[in-house]
Amino acid sequence: MKARLFNVRSNKKDVPFIYLKGKWLDRIGFCRNSRIIVCYEEYGKLTILNADTVTHKALEEEHQRQIHIIG
């Protein structure tokens, strides 16, 4: 697993945010206009998923369950 280091910043109303940018996002599957899912698993840990990929995989799995082989 490769790790990236980011700073948590805050706006004028002291709301924290993380700013992600770079070509590396495209290389790992987060293209422009990708929809993302941010999961809070435990204190201090976030997981970021590509919603389009997760949805596509879920639809493929559902489709595979619906196929019946007649032999």
PDB file of N, CA and C in Angstrom:
ATOM      1  N   MET A   1       0.847  -1.175   0.000  1.00  0.00           N
ATOM      2  CA  MET A   1       0.000   0.000   0.000  1.00  0.00           C
ATOM      3  C   MET A   1       0.894   1.241   0.000  1.00  0.00           C
ATOM      4  N   LYS A   2       0.618   2.163  -0.904  1.00  0.00           N
ATOM      5  CA  LYS A   2       1.337   3.436  -0.920  1.00  0.00           C
ATOM      6  C   LYS A   2       0.565   4.439  -0.071  1.00  0.00           C
ATOM      7  N   ALA A   3       1.271   5.279   0.609  1.00  0.00           N
ATOM      8  CA  ALA A   3       0.646   6.280   1.471  1.00  0.00           C
ATOM      9  C   ALA A   3       0.989   7.683   0.975  1.00  0.00           C
ATOM     10  N   ARG A   4       0.070   8.590   1.147  1.00  0.00           N
ATOM     11  CA  ARG A   4       0.275  10.012   0.837  1.00  0.00           C
ATOM     12  C   ARG A   4       0.032  10.799   2.113  1.00  0.00           C
ATOM     13  N   LEU A   5       0.777  11.852   2.301  1.00  0.00           N
ATOM     14  CA  LEU A   5       0.646  12.686   3.487  1.00  0.00           C
ATOM     15  C   LEU A   5      -0.073  13.982   3.120  1.00  0.00           C
ATOM     16  N   PHE A   6      -1.146  14.297   3.830  1.00  0.00           N
ATOM     17  CA  PHE A   6      -1.917  15.519   3.595  1.00  0.00           C
ATOM     18  C   PHE A   6      -2.124  16.249   4.911  1.00  0.00           C
ATOM     19  N   ASN A   7      -2.281  17.535   4.822  1.00  0.00           N
ATOM     20  CA  ASN A   7      -2.591  18.350   5.987  1.00  0.00           C
ATOM     21  C   ASN A   7      -4.097  18.581   6.059  1.00  0.00           C
ATOM     22  N   VAL A   8      -4.638  18.512   7.250  1.00  0.00           N
ATOM     23  CA  VAL A   8      -6.028  18.892   7.470  1.00  0.00           C
ATOM     24  C   VAL A   8      -6.015  20.390   7.728  1.00  0.00           C
ATOM     25  N   ARG A   9      -6.761  21.108   6.927  1.00  0.00           N
ATOM     26  CA  ARG A   9      -6.812  22.567   7.047  1.00  0.00           C
ATOM     27  C   ARG A   9      -8.181  22.980   7.548  1.00  0.00           C
ATOM     28  N   SER A  10      -8.375  24.263   7.783  1.00  0.00           N
ATOM     29  CA  SER A  10      -9.686  24.746   8.186  1.00  0.00           C
ATOM     30  C   SER A  10      -9.993  26.048   7.461  1.00  0.00           C
ATOM     31  N   ASN A  11     -11.286  26.276   7.250  1.00  0.00           N
ATOM     32  CA  ASN A  11     -11.705  27.499   6.571  1.00  0.00           C
ATOM     33  C   ASN A  11     -11.932  28.615   7.594  1.00  0.00           C
ATOM     34  N   LYS A  12     -12.518  29.716   7.149  1.00  0.00           N
ATOM     35  CA  LYS A  12     -12.729  30.870   8.030  1.00  0.00           C
ATOM     36  C   LYS A  12     -13.661  30.560   9.192  1.00  0.00           C
ATOM     37  N   LYS A  13     -14.546  29.559   9.006  1.00  0.00           N
ATOM     38  CA  LYS A  13     -15.478  29.185  10.079  1.00  0.00           C
ATOM     39  C   LYS A  13     -14.920  28.037  10.914  1.00  0.00           C
ATOM     40  N   ASP A  14     -13.624  27.756  10.767  1.00  0.00           N
ATOM     41  CA  ASP A  14     -12.918  26.719  11.508  1.00  0.00           C
ATOM     42  C   ASP A  14     -13.483  25.316  11.238  1.00  0.00           C
ATOM     43  N   VAL A  15     -13.926  25.083  10.004  1.00  0.00           N
ATOM     44  CA  VAL A  15     -14.394  23.765   9.584  1.00  0.00           C
ATOM     45  C   VAL A  15     -13.223  23.049   8.898  1.00  0.00           C
ATOM     46  N   PRO A  16     -12.834  21.865   9.387  1.00  0.00           N
ATOM     47  CA  PRO A  16     -11.692  21.170   8.797  1.00  0.00           C
ATOM     48  C   PRO A  16     -12.008  20.592   7.419  1.00  0.00           C
ATOM     49  N   PHE A  17     -10.998  20.548   6.555  1.00  0.00           N
ATOM     50  CA  PHE A  17     -11.145  19.922   5.243  1.00  0.00           C
ATOM     51  C   PHE A  17      -9.801  19.381   4.787  1.00  0.00           C
ATOM     52  N   ILE A  18      -9.866  18.436   3.847  1.00  0.00           N
ATOM     53  CA  ILE A  18      -8.671  17.856   3.239  1.00  0.00           C
ATOM     54  C   ILE A  18      -8.749  18.151   1.754  1.00  0.00           C
ATOM     55  N   TYR A  19      -7.694  18.700   1.193  1.00  0.00           N
ATOM     56  CA  TYR A  19      -7.648  19.072  -0.215  1.00  0.00           C
ATOM     57  C   TYR A  19      -6.773  18.063  -0.949  1.00  0.00           C
ATOM     58  N   LEU A  20      -7.370  17.307  -1.872  1.00  0.00           N
ATOM     59  CA  LEU A  20      -6.629  16.299  -2.639  1.00  0.00           C
ATOM     60  C   LEU A  20      -6.524  16.741  -4.087  1.00  0.00           C
ATOM     61  N   LYS A  21      -5.334  16.656  -4.653  1.00  0.00           N
ATOM     62  CA  LYS A  21      -5.176  16.937  -6.072  1.00  0.00           C
ATOM     63  C   LYS A  21      -3.909  16.267  -6.563  1.00  0.00           C
ATOM     64  N   GLY A  22      -3.852  16.033  -7.860  1.00  0.00           N
ATOM     65  CA  GLY A  22      -2.655  15.457  -8.456  1.00  0.00           C
ATOM     66  C   GLY A  22      -2.994  14.392  -9.486  1.00  0.00           C
ATOM     67  N   LYS A  23      -2.071  14.184 -10.405  1.00  0.00           N
ATOM     68  CA  LYS A  23      -2.268  13.184 -11.460  1.00  0.00           C
ATOM     69  C   LYS A  23      -2.322  11.766 -10.898  1.00  0.00           C
ATOM     70  N   TRP A  24      -1.758  11.558  -9.725  1.00  0.00           N
ATOM     71  CA  TRP A  24      -1.779  10.232  -9.109  1.00  0.00           C
ATOM     72  C   TRP A  24      -3.209   9.770  -8.852  1.00  0.00           C
ATOM     73  N   LEU A  25      -4.143  10.708  -8.606  1.00  0.00           N
ATOM     74  CA  LEU A  25      -5.550  10.329  -8.408  1.00  0.00           C
ATOM     75  C   LEU A  25      -6.110   9.650  -9.652  1.00  0.00           C
ATOM     76  N   ASP A  26      -5.789  10.183 -10.814  1.00  0.00           N
ATOM     77  CA  ASP A  26      -6.247   9.593 -12.075  1.00  0.00           C
ATOM     78  C   ASP A  26      -5.636   8.204 -12.267  1.00  0.00           C
ATOM     79  N   ARG A  27      -4.386   8.053 -11.929  1.00  0.00           N
ATOM     80  CA  ARG A  27      -3.710   6.760 -12.094  1.00  0.00           C
ATOM     81  C   ARG A  27      -4.309   5.669 -11.213  1.00  0.00           C
ATOM     82  N   ILE A  28      -4.892   6.041 -10.076  1.00  0.00           N
ATOM     83  CA  ILE A  28      -5.458   5.030  -9.182  1.00  0.00           C
ATOM     84  C   ILE A  28      -6.976   4.933  -9.302  1.00  0.00           C
ATOM     85  N   GLY A  29      -7.557   5.561 -10.339  1.00  0.00           N
ATOM     86  CA  GLY A  29      -8.974   5.355 -10.624  1.00  0.00           C
ATOM     87  C   GLY A  29      -9.927   6.458 -10.232  1.00  0.00           C
ATOM     88  N   PHE A  30      -9.418   7.597  -9.803  1.00  0.00           N
ATOM     89  CA  PHE A  30     -10.277   8.726  -9.458  1.00  0.00           C
ATOM     90  C   PHE A  30     -10.128   9.806 -10.525  1.00  0.00           C
ATOM     91  N   CYS A  31     -10.917   9.687 -11.587  1.00  0.00           N
ATOM     92  CA  CYS A  31     -10.852  10.636 -12.698  1.00  0.00           C
ATOM     93  C   CYS A  31     -11.694  11.871 -12.374  1.00  0.00           C
ATOM     94  N   ARG A  32     -11.580  12.867 -13.213  1.00  0.00           N
ATOM     95  CA  ARG A  32     -12.380  14.080 -13.058  1.00  0.00           C
ATOM     96  C   ARG A  32     -13.859  13.701 -13.065  1.00  0.00           C
ATOM     97  N   ASN A  33     -14.621  14.293 -12.195  1.00  0.00           N
ATOM     98  CA  ASN A  33     -16.061  14.072 -12.025  1.00  0.00           C
ATOM     99  C   ASN A  33     -16.392  12.688 -11.479  1.00  0.00           C
ATOM    100  N   SER A  34     -15.417  11.968 -10.934  1.00  0.00           N
ATOM    101  CA  SER A  34     -15.710  10.702 -10.265  1.00  0.00           C
ATOM    102  C   SER A  34     -16.544  10.991  -9.016  1.00  0.00           C
ATOM    103  N   ARG A  35     -17.489  10.110  -8.757  1.00  0.00           N
ATOM    104  CA  ARG A  35     -18.244  10.202  -7.507  1.00  0.00           C
ATOM    105  C   ARG A  35     -17.508   9.340  -6.490  1.00  0.00           C
ATOM    106  N   ILE A  36     -17.398   9.839  -5.263  1.00  0.00           N
ATOM    107  CA  ILE A  36     -16.658   9.092  -4.257  1.00  0.00           C
ATOM    108  C   ILE A  36     -17.526   8.797  -3.041  1.00  0.00           C
ATOM    109  N   ILE A  37     -17.098   7.772  -2.313  1.00  0.00           N
ATOM    110  CA  ILE A  37     -17.712   7.419  -1.041  1.00  0.00           C
ATOM    111  C   ILE A  37     -16.606   7.559   0.001  1.00  0.00           C
ATOM    112  N   VAL A  38     -16.895   8.278   1.069  1.00  0.00           N
ATOM    113  CA  VAL A  38     -15.949   8.412   2.165  1.00  0.00           C
ATOM    114  C   VAL A  38     -16.545   7.671   3.353  1.00  0.00           C
ATOM    115  N   CYS A  39     -15.831   6.656   3.822  1.00  0.00           N
ATOM    116  CA  CYS A  39     -16.310   5.823   4.920  1.00  0.00           C
ATOM    117  C   CYS A  39     -15.520   6.124   6.184  1.00  0.00           C
ATOM    118  N   TYR A  40     -16.241   6.297   7.276  1.00  0.00           N
ATOM    119  CA  TYR A  40     -15.631   6.480   8.589  1.00  0.00           C
ATOM    120  C   TYR A  40     -15.674   5.132   9.279  1.00  0.00           C
ATOM    121  N   GLU A  41     -14.524   4.487   9.405  1.00  0.00           N
ATOM    122  CA  GLU A  41     -14.463   3.148   9.972  1.00  0.00           C
ATOM    123  C   GLU A  41     -14.180   3.163  11.476  1.00  0.00           C
ATOM    124  N   GLU A  42     -13.290   4.009  11.881  1.00  0.00           N
ATOM    125  CA  GLU A  42     -12.941   4.135  13.291  1.00  0.00           C
ATOM    126  C   GLU A  42     -12.305   5.503  13.497  1.00  0.00           C
ATOM    127  N   TYR A  43     -12.118   5.872  14.722  1.00  0.00           N
ATOM    128  CA  TYR A  43     -11.567   7.179  15.041  1.00  0.00           C
ATOM    129  C   TYR A  43     -10.226   7.373  14.333  1.00  0.00           C
ATOM    130  N   GLY A  44     -10.114   8.437  13.559  1.00  0.00           N
ATOM    131  CA  GLY A  44      -8.860   8.775  12.890  1.00  0.00           C
ATOM    132  C   GLY A  44      -8.613   8.028  11.592  1.00  0.00           C
ATOM    133  N   LYS A  45      -9.627   7.316  11.071  1.00  0.00           N
ATOM    134  CA  LYS A  45      -9.418   6.543   9.846  1.00  0.00           C
ATOM    135  C   LYS A  45     -10.568   6.768   8.868  1.00  0.00           C
ATOM    136  N   LEU A  46     -10.231   7.181   7.645  1.00  0.00           N
ATOM    137  CA  LEU A  46     -11.193   7.348   6.565  1.00  0.00           C
ATOM    138  C   LEU A  46     -10.792   6.452   5.402  1.00  0.00           C
ATOM    139  N   THR A  47     -11.777   5.918   4.711  1.00  0.00           N
ATOM    140  CA  THR A  47     -11.529   5.160   3.489  1.00  0.00           C
ATOM    141  C   THR A  47     -12.260   5.882   2.367  1.00  0.00           C
ATOM    142  N   ILE A  48     -11.578   6.116   1.251  1.00  0.00           N
ATOM    143  CA  ILE A  48     -12.168   6.797   0.097  1.00  0.00           C
ATOM    144  C   ILE A  48     -12.313   5.782  -1.028  1.00  0.00           C
ATOM    145  N   LEU A  49     -13.531   5.619  -1.532  1.00  0.00           N
ATOM    146  CA  LEU A  49     -13.820   4.661  -2.592  1.00  0.00           C
ATOM    147  C   LEU A  49     -14.402   5.375  -3.796  1.00  0.00           C
ATOM    148  N   ASN A  50     -14.141   4.839  -4.981  1.00  0.00           N
ATOM    149  CA  ASN A  50     -14.741   5.356  -6.206  1.00  0.00           C
ATOM    150  C   ASN A  50     -16.145   4.772  -6.292  1.00  0.00           C
ATOM    151  N   ALA A  51     -17.172   5.598  -6.153  1.00  0.00           N
ATOM    152  CA  ALA A  51     -18.563   5.124  -6.131  1.00  0.00           C
ATOM    153  C   ALA A  51     -18.942   4.447  -7.443  1.00  0.00           C
ATOM    154  N   ASP A  52     -18.428   4.925  -8.553  1.00  0.00           N
ATOM    155  CA  ASP A  52     -18.758   4.332  -9.847  1.00  0.00           C
ATOM    156  C   ASP A  52     -18.228   2.897  -9.932  1.00  0.00           C
ATOM    157  N   THR A  53     -17.015   2.667  -9.445  1.00  0.00           N
ATOM    158  CA  THR A  53     -16.416   1.331  -9.463  1.00  0.00           C
ATOM    159  C   THR A  53     -17.148   0.396  -8.504  1.00  0.00           C
ATOM    160  N   VAL A  54     -17.457   0.884  -7.309  1.00  0.00           N
ATOM    161  CA  VAL A  54     -18.157   0.069  -6.314  1.00  0.00           C
ATOM    162  C   VAL A  54     -19.538  -0.325  -6.836  1.00  0.00           C
ATOM    163  N   THR A  55     -20.252   0.615  -7.431  1.00  0.00           N
ATOM    164  CA  THR A  55     -21.579   0.331  -7.974  1.00  0.00           C
ATOM    165  C   THR A  55     -21.491  -0.667  -9.113  1.00  0.00           C
ATOM    166  N   HIS A  56     -20.512  -0.497  -9.991  1.00  0.00           N
ATOM    167  CA  HIS A  56     -20.337  -1.402 -11.128  1.00  0.00           C
ATOM    168  C   HIS A  56     -20.054  -2.827 -10.649  1.00  0.00           C
ATOM    169  N   LYS A  57     -19.180  -2.973  -9.660  1.00  0.00           N
ATOM    170  CA  LYS A  57     -18.864  -4.302  -9.131  1.00  0.00           C
ATOM    171  C   LYS A  57     -20.086  -4.937  -8.479  1.00  0.00           C
ATOM    172  N   ALA A  58     -20.865  -4.141  -7.745  1.00  0.00           N
ATOM    173  CA  ALA A  58     -22.071  -4.667  -7.096  1.00  0.00           C
ATOM    174  C   ALA A  58     -23.084  -5.141  -8.140  1.00  0.00           C
ATOM    175  N   LEU A  59     -23.231  -4.388  -9.223  1.00  0.00           N
ATOM    176  CA  LEU A  59     -24.155  -4.788 -10.289  1.00  0.00           C
ATOM    177  C   LEU A  59     -23.681  -6.060 -10.985  1.00  0.00           C
ATOM    178  N   GLU A  60     -22.359  -6.186 -11.191  1.00  0.00           N
ATOM    179  CA  GLU A  60     -21.821  -7.407 -11.795  1.00  0.00           C
ATOM    180  C   GLU A  60     -22.091  -8.616 -10.911  1.00  0.00           C
ATOM    181  N   GLU A  61     -21.878  -8.472  -9.608  1.00  0.00           N
ATOM    182  CA  GLU A  61     -22.115  -9.583  -8.684  1.00  0.00           C
ATOM    183  C   GLU A  61     -23.591  -9.967  -8.664  1.00  0.00           C
ATOM    184  N   GLU A  62     -24.469  -8.989  -8.669  1.00  0.00           N
ATOM    185  CA  GLU A  62     -25.913  -9.265  -8.689  1.00  0.00           C
ATOM    186  C   GLU A  62     -26.306  -9.966  -9.975  1.00  0.00           C
ATOM    187  N   HIS A  63     -25.733  -9.529 -11.094  1.00  0.00           N
ATOM    188  CA  HIS A  63     -26.028 -10.149 -12.393  1.00  0.00           C
ATOM    189  C   HIS A  63     -25.562 -11.602 -12.400  1.00  0.00           C
ATOM    190  N   GLN A  64     -24.383 -11.879 -11.838  1.00  0.00           N
ATOM    191  CA  GLN A  64     -23.856 -13.238 -11.801  1.00  0.00           C
ATOM    192  C   GLN A  64     -24.743 -14.151 -10.957  1.00  0.00           C
ATOM    193  N   ARG A  65     -25.350 -13.621  -9.902  1.00  0.00           N
ATOM    194  CA  ARG A  65     -26.238 -14.424  -9.057  1.00  0.00           C
ATOM    195  C   ARG A  65     -27.539 -14.760  -9.779  1.00  0.00           C
ATOM    196  N   GLN A  66     -27.915 -13.939 -10.756  1.00  0.00           N
ATOM    197  CA  GLN A  66     -29.178 -14.151 -11.462  1.00  0.00           C
ATOM    198  C   GLN A  66     -29.038 -15.114 -12.635  1.00  0.00           C
ATOM    199  N   ILE A  67     -27.809 -15.447 -13.010  1.00  0.00           N
ATOM    200  CA  ILE A  67     -27.592 -16.349 -14.143  1.00  0.00           C
ATOM    201  C   ILE A  67     -27.715 -17.792 -13.681  1.00  0.00           C
ATOM    202  N   HIS A  68     -28.553 -18.553 -14.378  1.00  0.00           N
ATOM    203  CA  HIS A  68     -28.729 -19.977 -14.084  1.00  0.00           C
ATOM    204  C   HIS A  68     -28.233 -20.766 -15.288  1.00  0.00           C
ATOM    205  N   ILE A  69     -27.338 -21.682 -15.040  1.00  0.00           N
ATOM    206  CA  ILE A  69     -26.799 -22.528 -16.115  1.00  0.00           C
ATOM    207  C   ILE A  69     -27.675 -23.760 -16.263  1.00  0.00           C
ATOM    208  N   ILE A  70     -28.208 -23.942 -17.453  1.00  0.00           N
ATOM    209  CA  ILE A  70     -29.044 -25.098 -17.749  1.00  0.00           C
ATOM    210  C   ILE A  70     -28.230 -26.032 -18.613  1.00  0.00           C
ATOM    211  N   GLY A  71     -28.055 -27.268 -18.172  1.00  0.00           N
ATOM    212  CA  GLY A  71     -27.187 -28.163 -18.915  1.00  0.00           C
ATOM    213  C   GLY A  71     -27.785 -29.510 -19.196  1.00  0.00           C
TER     214      GLY A  71
END
